[in-house]
Amino acid sequence: MEIEVKYLVPDGETADRIWEDKYLASMEEAGSRETLYMKSAYFDTEDGALSKHDIALRVRIEGEYAVATLKWSGRTEGATHIRGEVNVPIDGNECLISPDINLFKESEIGRDVIEIVGDKPLYSNVEVGVLRRRFRIDTGKSIIEVSIDNGEVITRCGNAPISEIEFELFSGDRDELETLSETMRNTYGLEPEEKSKYARGLELITE
């Protein structure tokens, strides 16, 4: 299960101020701060079989690492995004072109996806490229990753900019996640981002 809070970041100056925020730095895990470029491709069948079942299939390259992800049954409560998630480490950039859904066969949702897709070919309908700055904080009860993203959503029908911050709960108390993120929202005047990057891409395609 993935639980995260997402806010829009209005400009680069605000992003830099959050990155250097002393309150967050006071809880930062040593050695967790990094900056990396991430490229993602989302896949579906030509008739949108996965989207119709509220399932997203993503392949993402994170620096030197690659991971395939399934997300499903998502819901949004204001800025809070909650959904099921399964991640599988993979090798090579070729999965950005043609992912193998059998990677997920050990999970129940993976077997569902294999059945839904059947013998239909998968196509990349949305791509995302972001420069991510991130670090983890330890509140004493919870581990939370703070990520500041700047980049764009890319589709055949057009592109859209990305400038947002995510607070993702790795372990611990959801209430702490929401208290922390609300503090940052009030400090920097942030607005909730109610749409995932993939949802924004699908909107571009269907407009």
Foldseek 3Di string as FASTA:
>chain_A
DWKKFKWFDPDDVLVVCVVVPPVQVVFFDPPFWDKWKKKKFWKAFPVRLQVVQQKIWMWMDTPPWIKIKIWGPWDFDFRMIDTDMDIATDDDPCCSAFNDLCSCVVDPVSVVVCVSCPPTGMGGFKMWMWIKIWTWGDPVFWIKIKIFIWTWMDGPQDIDTGTMIMIITPDGDPVVNVVVVVVSCVVSVIGRDRDDSVRVSVVSVVD
